[in-house]
């Protein structure tokens, strides 16, 4: 091996050691994105979950008929009326709804794998710190009931959210204690609950 070749290899080695934490995180993100696009990617792992969410979204869309719309210029009173009327229709249509209708056993497995994958990298502390920003409360949630307004909203951190499947408009993930909650923000209704999905989240107080 020539001196120039040895020098080149040495420089490459130094470059690898010189990667900053931010650079390592970017490489990890790029690697994860590539894996998600391959066979067994995100869409496939969450297929059952997404199918059931789409069924709920289709039901909600069908129930809007006869309810006054709440557009961008709607007053707070009009928005509240729209929300309550839609919630009443949804709760009647899903009167037999129970935990696990959306977060099925297979879906829970997929979410646990996604959460574990997110916590396995350099961003685990960032995820936990973001979750802690929501003030813990003592509250019981129920499927197909209103999402209590007094709960401080703790959304899923972006570094964790990227591992979850994308949701239709006005359906969002929430974190309440250790639970992962699916909320219909248009009707302020709890769609489903995955108890204990995030065991590292701050406990209720």
Protein backbone atom coordinates (compact mmCIF):
# COMPACT_ATOMS: atom_id res chain seq x y z
CA UNK A 1 0.00 0.00 0.00
CA UNK A 2 1.36 3.40 -0.95
CA UNK A 3 1.84 6.23 1.51
CA UNK A 4 -0.96 8.21 -0.17
CA UNK A 5 -3.39 5.30 0.23
CA UNK A 6 -2.52 4.88 3.91
CA UNK A 7 -3.02 8.59 4.46
CA UNK A 8 -6.42 8.44 2.76
CA UNK A 9 -7.54 5.54 4.97
CA UNK A 10 -6.34 7.35 8.08
CA UNK A 11 -8.32 10.46 7.13
CA UNK A 12 -11.45 8.38 6.57
CA UNK A 13 -11.03 6.80 9.99
CA UNK A 14 -10.66 10.18 11.63
CA UNK A 15 -13.75 11.43 9.82
CA UNK A 16 -15.80 8.57 11.24
CA UNK A 17 -14.66 9.35 14.79
CA UNK A 18 -15.36 13.05 14.23
CA UNK A 19 -19.09 12.63 13.53
CA UNK A 20 -21.00 14.85 15.96
CA UNK A 21 -24.03 13.65 17.95
CA UNK A 22 -26.24 15.70 15.60
CA UNK A 23 -24.59 14.06 12.62
CA UNK A 24 -25.08 10.62 14.12
CA UNK A 25 -28.74 11.40 14.72
CA UNK A 26 -29.19 12.47 11.09
CA UNK A 27 -27.56 9.25 9.90
CA UNK A 28 -29.85 7.25 12.18
CA UNK A 29 -32.92 9.08 10.86
CA UNK A 30 -31.87 8.47 7.24
CA UNK A 31 -31.31 4.78 7.96
CA UNK A 32 -34.71 4.46 9.64
CA UNK A 33 -36.42 6.22 6.73
CA UNK A 34 -34.83 3.77 4.29
CA UNK A 35 -35.97 0.80 6.38
CA UNK A 36 -39.54 2.13 6.56
CA UNK A 37 -39.80 2.16 2.76
CA UNK A 38 -38.75 -1.46 2.37
CA UNK A 39 -40.69 -4.68 2.77
CA UNK A 40 -42.38 -4.76 6.16
CA UNK A 41 -42.30 -0.95 6.35
CA UNK A 42 -44.54 1.31 8.39
CA UNK A 43 -47.62 1.09 6.16
CA UNK A 44 -47.55 -2.69 6.21
CA UNK A 45 -46.94 -3.02 9.97
CA UNK A 46 -49.80 -0.64 10.76
CA UNK A 47 -52.16 -1.82 8.02
CA UNK A 48 -54.85 -3.12 10.41
CA UNK A 49 -54.65 0.03 12.55
CA UNK A 50 -54.89 2.33 9.52
CA UNK A 51 -57.82 0.37 8.09
CA UNK A 52 -59.76 0.79 11.32
CA UNK A 53 -58.90 4.46 11.60
CA UNK A 54 -60.14 4.97 8.03
CA UNK A 55 -63.38 3.19 8.94
CA UNK A 56 -63.84 5.58 11.85
CA UNK A 57 -63.06 8.59 9.65
CA UNK A 58 -65.61 7.39 7.06
CA UNK A 59 -68.22 7.00 9.81
CA UNK A 60 -67.53 10.50 11.15
CA UNK A 61 -67.83 12.00 7.66
CA UNK A 62 -71.20 10.33 7.16
CA UNK A 63 -72.51 11.67 10.47
CA UNK A 64 -71.80 15.33 9.65
CA UNK A 65 -75.01 15.47 7.62
CA UNK A 66 -77.51 17.83 9.24
CA UNK A 67 -74.95 19.40 11.56
CA UNK A 68 -74.18 23.12 11.10
CA UNK A 69 -70.68 23.50 9.69
CA UNK A 70 -67.97 25.17 11.77
CA UNK A 71 -65.73 26.94 9.26
CA UNK A 72 -62.81 29.28 9.81
CA UNK A 73 -65.12 32.22 10.56
CA UNK A 74 -67.34 30.30 12.98
CA UNK A 75 -67.79 31.71 16.46
CA UNK A 76 -66.76 29.85 19.59
CA UNK A 77 -70.44 29.12 20.24
CA UNK A 78 -70.92 27.68 16.73
CA UNK A 79 -67.81 25.53 17.03
CA UNK A 80 -68.98 24.21 20.40
CA UNK A 81 -72.41 23.39 19.01
CA UNK A 82 -70.89 21.57 16.02
CA UNK A 83 -68.60 19.64 18.34
CA UNK A 84 -71.36 18.58 20.72
CA UNK A 85 -73.81 17.58 17.99
CA UNK A 86 -71.19 15.53 16.16
CA UNK A 87 -70.02 13.91 19.39
CA UNK A 88 -73.59 12.89 20.23
CA UNK A 89 -74.01 11.24 16.83
CA UNK A 90 -70.65 9.46 17.05
CA UNK A 91 -71.31 8.18 20.56
CA UNK A 92 -74.67 6.81 19.47
CA UNK A 93 -73.24 5.17 16.36
CA UNK A 94 -70.40 3.63 18.40
CA UNK A 95 -72.41 2.80 21.52
CA UNK A 96 -70.79 -0.63 21.67
CA UNK A 97 -67.24 0.72 21.24
CA UNK A 98 -64.64 -0.68 23.61
CA UNK A 99 -60.87 -0.44 24.18
CA UNK A 100 -59.00 -2.36 21.52
CA UNK A 101 -61.41 -1.69 18.66
CA UNK A 102 -58.74 0.44 16.96
CA UNK A 103 -55.65 -0.47 18.99
CA UNK A 104 -55.99 -4.21 18.30
CA UNK A 105 -53.49 -6.76 19.62
CA UNK A 106 -51.49 -6.64 16.37
CA UNK A 107 -51.63 -2.85 16.32
CA UNK A 108 -50.38 -2.64 19.90
CA UNK A 109 -47.46 -4.86 18.95
CA UNK A 110 -46.60 -2.55 16.05
CA UNK A 111 -46.77 0.53 18.28
CA UNK A 112 -44.61 -1.08 20.98
CA UNK A 113 -41.99 -1.91 18.36
CA UNK A 114 -42.12 1.67 17.07
CA UNK A 115 -41.76 3.10 20.59
CA UNK A 116 -38.87 0.75 21.38
CA UNK A 117 -37.19 1.70 18.11
CA UNK A 118 -37.50 5.39 18.90
CA UNK A 119 -36.04 4.92 22.38
CA UNK A 120 -33.14 2.81 21.16
CA UNK A 121 -31.31 5.75 19.58
CA UNK A 122 -29.69 8.97 20.74
CA UNK A 123 -33.04 10.76 20.95
CA UNK A 124 -34.54 8.80 23.86
CA UNK A 125 -33.80 11.53 26.44
CA UNK A 126 -35.29 14.17 24.14
CA UNK A 127 -38.48 12.14 23.79
CA UNK A 128 -38.90 11.65 27.54
CA UNK A 129 -38.11 15.31 28.25
CA UNK A 130 -40.77 16.44 25.77
CA UNK A 131 -43.38 14.16 27.29
CA UNK A 132 -42.61 15.47 30.78
CA UNK A 133 -43.49 19.00 29.60
CA UNK A 134 -47.15 18.07 29.89
CA UNK A 135 -48.28 18.45 33.49
CA UNK A 136 -49.36 15.04 34.88
CA UNK A 137 -52.97 14.81 36.07
CA UNK A 138 -55.11 12.18 37.73
CA UNK A 139 -57.91 11.34 35.33
CA UNK A 140 -59.74 8.35 33.92
CA UNK A 141 -60.45 8.25 30.21
CA UNK A 142 -63.18 6.23 28.54
CA UNK A 143 -63.54 5.12 24.95
CA UNK A 144 -66.32 6.92 23.04
CA UNK A 145 -66.60 9.60 25.71
CA UNK A 146 -65.48 13.22 25.74
CA UNK A 147 -61.77 13.98 26.07
CA UNK A 148 -61.69 16.08 29.30
CA UNK A 149 -60.87 19.70 28.64
CA UNK A 150 -58.94 20.01 31.92
CA UNK A 151 -56.22 17.62 30.73
CA UNK A 152 -53.11 19.55 29.59
CA UNK A 153 -52.54 18.42 26.01
CA UNK A 154 -49.36 16.38 25.66
CA UNK A 155 -48.84 15.60 22.00
CA UNK A 156 -46.50 12.92 20.74
CA UNK A 157 -42.94 14.32 20.31
CA UNK A 158 -41.88 14.61 16.63
CA UNK A 159 -38.96 12.24 17.26
CA UNK A 160 -41.49 9.59 18.30
CA UNK A 161 -44.26 10.61 15.93
CA UNK A 162 -42.11 9.84 12.89
CA UNK A 163 -42.32 6.16 13.85
CA UNK A 164 -46.14 6.25 13.97
CA UNK A 165 -48.50 6.09 10.98
CA UNK A 166 -49.96 9.35 9.71
CA UNK A 167 -53.55 10.02 10.76
CA UNK A 168 -56.47 11.62 8.90
CA UNK A 169 -57.24 15.28 9.58
CA UNK A 170 -58.70 16.07 13.00
CA UNK A 171 -57.60 12.75 14.49
CA UNK A 172 -54.54 13.00 16.72
CA UNK A 173 -52.38 11.02 19.11
CA UNK A 174 -52.31 12.11 22.75
CA UNK A 175 -50.19 10.97 25.68
CA UNK A 176 -51.94 10.77 29.05
CA UNK A 177 -49.64 9.36 31.71
CA UNK A 178 -48.41 6.06 30.31
CA UNK A 179 -51.31 5.72 27.89
CA UNK A 180 -51.41 6.43 24.17
CA UNK A 181 -54.77 7.94 23.26
CA UNK A 182 -56.43 8.45 19.90
CA UNK A 183 -58.59 11.59 19.93
CA UNK A 184 -61.10 12.97 17.45
CA UNK A 185 -60.35 16.67 17.83
CA UNK A 186 -63.40 17.69 15.78
CA UNK A 187 -65.86 16.11 18.21
CA UNK A 188 -63.53 16.08 21.23
CA UNK A 189 -64.11 12.33 21.56
CA UNK A 190 -61.78 9.58 22.76
CA UNK A 191 -61.65 7.08 19.89
CA UNK A 192 -59.50 4.46 21.62
CA UNK A 193 -56.88 4.00 24.33
CA UNK A 194 -53.69 1.93 24.45
CA UNK A 195 -53.02 1.57 28.22
CA UNK A 196 -49.38 1.42 29.28
CA UNK A 197 -48.02 2.08 25.81
CA UNK A 198 -45.33 4.40 27.20
CA UNK A 199 -44.04 2.93 30.47
CA UNK A 200 -41.27 5.56 30.62
CA UNK A 201 -43.72 8.46 30.56
CA UNK A 202 -44.25 10.52 33.75
CA UNK A 203 -46.83 8.89 36.06
CA UNK A 204 -50.10 10.48 37.11
CA UNK A 205 -49.94 12.49 40.34
